[in-house]
Amino acid sequence: MAKLPGMSIEGLMDPRRRVDEMLHQRRAELEKQLERFGAVGGRRVRGGGSALKGRKVPPKYRSPSGETWAGRGARPRWLVAAIKGGKKLDDFLIDKSARRGRRKRRSKR
């Protein structure tokens, strides 16, 4: 292999062209593999997802001290401690009839 400083422009362009061709071929192979795994356009297609993810929901449970929990995610410490102490989850339910009056109308997406 010749030394780079002594090579002509044409001599440098030939290895570059070959590297570009190899990279192009490798990319085509990888894109075919991704298509087989269910990806489209190089991005993974996810199935569905929750329509409620990221939305605020009204609280379902309230502690005697006023802390609330919507019933999503991990149970808060105050609730876990109360259940261990003999209480039931239903003991902390917020009365649903009181919430009916302040229901907001949902906007169409």
C-alpha atoms as a PDB file:
ATOM      1  CA  MET A   1       0.000   0.000   0.000  1.00  0.00           C
ATOM      2  CA  ALA A   2       1.344   3.400  -0.938  1.00  0.00           C
ATOM      3  CA  LYS A   3       1.856   6.191   1.531  1.00  0.00           C
ATOM      4  CA  LEU A   4      -1.034   8.702   1.627  1.00  0.00           C
ATOM      5  CA  PRO A   5       0.991  11.930   1.186  1.00  0.00           C
ATOM      6  CA  GLY A   6       2.582  10.571  -1.990  1.00  0.00           C
ATOM      7  CA  MET A   7      -0.662   9.368  -3.619  1.00  0.00           C
ATOM      8  CA  SER A   8      -2.437  11.242  -6.382  1.00  0.00           C
ATOM      9  CA  ILE A   9      -6.023  12.440  -6.092  1.00  0.00           C
ATOM     10  CA  GLU A  10      -7.187   9.615  -8.366  1.00  0.00           C
ATOM     11  CA  GLY A  11      -5.306   7.109  -6.211  1.00  0.00           C
ATOM     12  CA  LEU A  12      -7.091   8.398  -3.095  1.00  0.00           C
ATOM     13  CA  MET A  13     -10.528   8.467  -4.714  1.00  0.00           C
ATOM     14  CA  ASP A  14     -10.504   4.784  -5.693  1.00  0.00           C
ATOM     15  CA  PRO A  15     -10.308   3.422  -2.097  1.00  0.00           C
ATOM     16  CA  ARG A  16     -12.914   5.955  -1.039  1.00  0.00           C
ATOM     17  CA  ARG A  17     -15.284   4.817  -3.795  1.00  0.00           C
ATOM     18  CA  ARG A  18     -14.844   1.184  -2.700  1.00  0.00           C
ATOM     19  CA  VAL A  19     -15.533   2.079   0.958  1.00  0.00           C
ATOM     20  CA  ASP A  20     -18.673   3.988  -0.082  1.00  0.00           C
ATOM     21  CA  GLU A  21     -19.903   0.973  -2.072  1.00  0.00           C
ATOM     22  CA  MET A  22     -19.265  -1.377   0.854  1.00  0.00           C
ATOM     23  CA  LEU A  23     -21.111   0.954   3.238  1.00  0.00           C
ATOM     24  CA  HIS A  24     -24.039   1.196   0.825  1.00  0.00           C
ATOM     25  CA  GLN A  25     -24.253  -2.608   0.559  1.00  0.00           C
ATOM     26  CA  ARG A  26     -24.054  -3.027   4.332  1.00  0.00           C
ATOM     27  CA  ARG A  27     -26.795  -0.455   4.847  1.00  0.00           C
ATOM     28  CA  ALA A  28     -29.047  -2.281   2.369  1.00  0.00           C
ATOM     29  CA  GLU A  29     -28.450  -5.557   4.253  1.00  0.00           C
ATOM     30  CA  LEU A  30     -29.268  -3.952   7.601  1.00  0.00           C
ATOM     31  CA  GLU A  31     -32.450  -2.362   6.237  1.00  0.00           C
ATOM     32  CA  LYS A  32     -33.604  -5.763   4.963  1.00  0.00           C
ATOM     33  CA  GLN A  33     -32.979  -7.256   8.415  1.00  0.00           C
ATOM     34  CA  LEU A  34     -34.935  -4.436  10.050  1.00  0.00           C
ATOM     35  CA  GLU A  35     -37.859  -5.034   7.691  1.00  0.00           C
ATOM     36  CA  ARG A  36     -37.886  -8.695   8.733  1.00  0.00           C
ATOM     37  CA  PHE A  37     -38.080  -7.646  12.382  1.00  0.00           C
ATOM     38  CA  GLY A  38     -41.040  -5.370  11.727  1.00  0.00           C
ATOM     39  CA  ALA A  39     -39.399  -1.976  11.536  1.00  0.00           C
ATOM     40  CA  VAL A  40     -40.449   0.511   8.887  1.00  0.00           C
ATOM     41  CA  GLY A  41     -38.123   3.204   7.610  1.00  0.00           C
ATOM     42  CA  GLY A  42     -35.514   2.370  10.215  1.00  0.00           C
ATOM     43  CA  ARG A  43     -37.919   3.014  13.092  1.00  0.00           C
ATOM     44  CA  ARG A  44     -39.554   0.417  15.245  1.00  0.00           C
ATOM     45  CA  VAL A  45     -43.342   0.284  14.922  1.00  0.00           C
ATOM     46  CA  ARG A  46     -44.965  -0.076  18.301  1.00  0.00           C
ATOM     47  CA  GLY A  47     -48.316  -1.674  18.741  1.00  0.00           C
ATOM     48  CA  GLY A  48     -51.019   0.628  19.973  1.00  0.00           C
ATOM     49  CA  GLY A  49     -50.053   2.070  23.306  1.00  0.00           C
ATOM     50  CA  SER A  50     -52.451   3.463  25.844  1.00  0.00           C
ATOM     51  CA  ALA A  51     -54.739   6.261  24.731  1.00  0.00           C
ATOM     52  CA  LEU A  52     -54.648   7.597  28.309  1.00  0.00           C
ATOM     53  CA  LYS A  53     -50.872   7.715  28.666  1.00  0.00           C
ATOM     54  CA  GLY A  54     -49.744  11.133  29.801  1.00  0.00           C
ATOM     55  CA  ARG A  55     -53.273  12.355  30.528  1.00  0.00           C
ATOM     56  CA  LYS A  56     -54.344  13.623  33.897  1.00  0.00           C
ATOM     57  CA  VAL A  57     -57.154  11.664  35.496  1.00  0.00           C
ATOM     58  CA  PRO A  58     -59.184  12.655  38.542  1.00  0.00           C
ATOM     59  CA  PRO A  59     -58.172  11.044  41.846  1.00  0.00           C
ATOM     60  CA  LYS A  60     -60.004   7.890  42.944  1.00  0.00           C
ATOM     61  CA  TYR A  61     -58.612   7.538  46.452  1.00  0.00           C
ATOM     62  CA  ARG A  62     -58.023  10.037  49.255  1.00  0.00           C
ATOM     63  CA  SER A  63     -56.201   9.628  52.558  1.00  0.00           C
ATOM     64  CA  PRO A  64     -57.557  11.101  55.802  1.00  0.00           C
ATOM     65  CA  SER A  65     -54.825  13.752  55.566  1.00  0.00           C
ATOM     66  CA  GLY A  66     -55.962  14.779  52.066  1.00  0.00           C
ATOM     67  CA  GLU A  67     -53.389  13.040  49.874  1.00  0.00           C
ATOM     68  CA  THR A  68     -54.852  11.598  46.693  1.00  0.00           C
ATOM     69  CA  TRP A  69     -54.094   8.830  44.224  1.00  0.00           C
ATOM     70  CA  ALA A  70     -55.676   8.307  40.795  1.00  0.00           C
ATOM     71  CA  GLY A  71     -55.268   4.536  40.870  1.00  0.00           C
ATOM     72  CA  ARG A  72     -52.480   4.544  38.290  1.00  0.00           C
ATOM     73  CA  GLY A  73     -48.927   3.399  38.796  1.00  0.00           C
ATOM     74  CA  ALA A  74     -47.481   2.196  42.072  1.00  0.00           C
ATOM     75  CA  ARG A  75     -49.540   2.581  45.223  1.00  0.00           C
ATOM     76  CA  PRO A  76     -48.432   5.506  47.358  1.00  0.00           C
ATOM     77  CA  ARG A  77     -46.749   4.823  50.685  1.00  0.00           C
ATOM     78  CA  TRP A  78     -49.649   6.169  52.735  1.00  0.00           C
ATOM     79  CA  LEU A  79     -51.997   3.685  51.070  1.00  0.00           C
ATOM     80  CA  VAL A  80     -49.650   0.715  51.435  1.00  0.00           C
ATOM     81  CA  ALA A  81     -49.140   1.519  55.120  1.00  0.00           C
ATOM     82  CA  ALA A  82     -52.898   1.838  55.704  1.00  0.00           C
ATOM     83  CA  ILE A  83     -53.632  -1.479  53.977  1.00  0.00           C
ATOM     84  CA  LYS A  84     -50.943  -3.181  56.070  1.00  0.00           C
ATOM     85  CA  GLY A  85     -52.617  -1.661  59.106  1.00  0.00           C
ATOM     86  CA  GLY A  86     -55.868  -3.469  58.321  1.00  0.00           C
ATOM     87  CA  LYS A  87     -57.751  -0.959  56.163  1.00  0.00           C
ATOM     88  CA  LYS A  88     -59.264  -1.845  52.791  1.00  0.00           C
ATOM     89  CA  LEU A  89     -58.691  -0.104  49.490  1.00  0.00           C
ATOM     90  CA  ASP A  90     -62.407   0.680  49.274  1.00  0.00           C
ATOM     91  CA  ASP A  91     -62.156   2.632  52.540  1.00  0.00           C
ATOM     92  CA  PHE A  92     -60.265   5.357  50.657  1.00  0.00           C
ATOM     93  CA  LEU A  93     -62.509   5.601  47.584  1.00  0.00           C
ATOM     94  CA  ILE A  94     -63.658   9.120  46.780  1.00  0.00           C
ATOM     95  CA  ASP A  95     -67.440   9.338  46.420  1.00  0.00           C
ATOM     96  CA  LYS A  96     -68.125   9.214  42.683  1.00  0.00           C
ATOM     97  CA  SER A  97     -71.515  10.912  42.965  1.00  0.00           C
ATOM     98  CA  ALA A  98     -69.772  14.081  44.165  1.00  0.00           C
ATOM     99  CA  ARG A  99     -67.568  14.117  41.056  1.00  0.00           C
ATOM    100  CA  ARG A 100     -70.394  13.954  38.526  1.00  0.00           C
ATOM    101  CA  GLY A 101     -71.142  17.667  38.722  1.00  0.00           C
ATOM    102  CA  ARG A 102     -67.636  18.767  37.781  1.00  0.00           C
ATOM    103  CA  ARG A 103     -67.115  16.489  34.819  1.00  0.00           C
ATOM    104  CA  LYS A 104     -65.577  18.287  31.873  1.00  0.00           C
ATOM    105  CA  ARG A 105     -66.559  17.697  28.301  1.00  0.00           C
ATOM    106  CA  ARG A 106     -63.874  15.917  26.316  1.00  0.00           C
ATOM    107  CA  SER A 107     -62.675  17.528  23.131  1.00  0.00           C
ATOM    108  CA  LYS A 108     -62.544  15.381  20.032  1.00  0.00           C
ATOM    109  CA  ARG A 109     -59.058  14.667  18.745  1.00  0.00           C
END
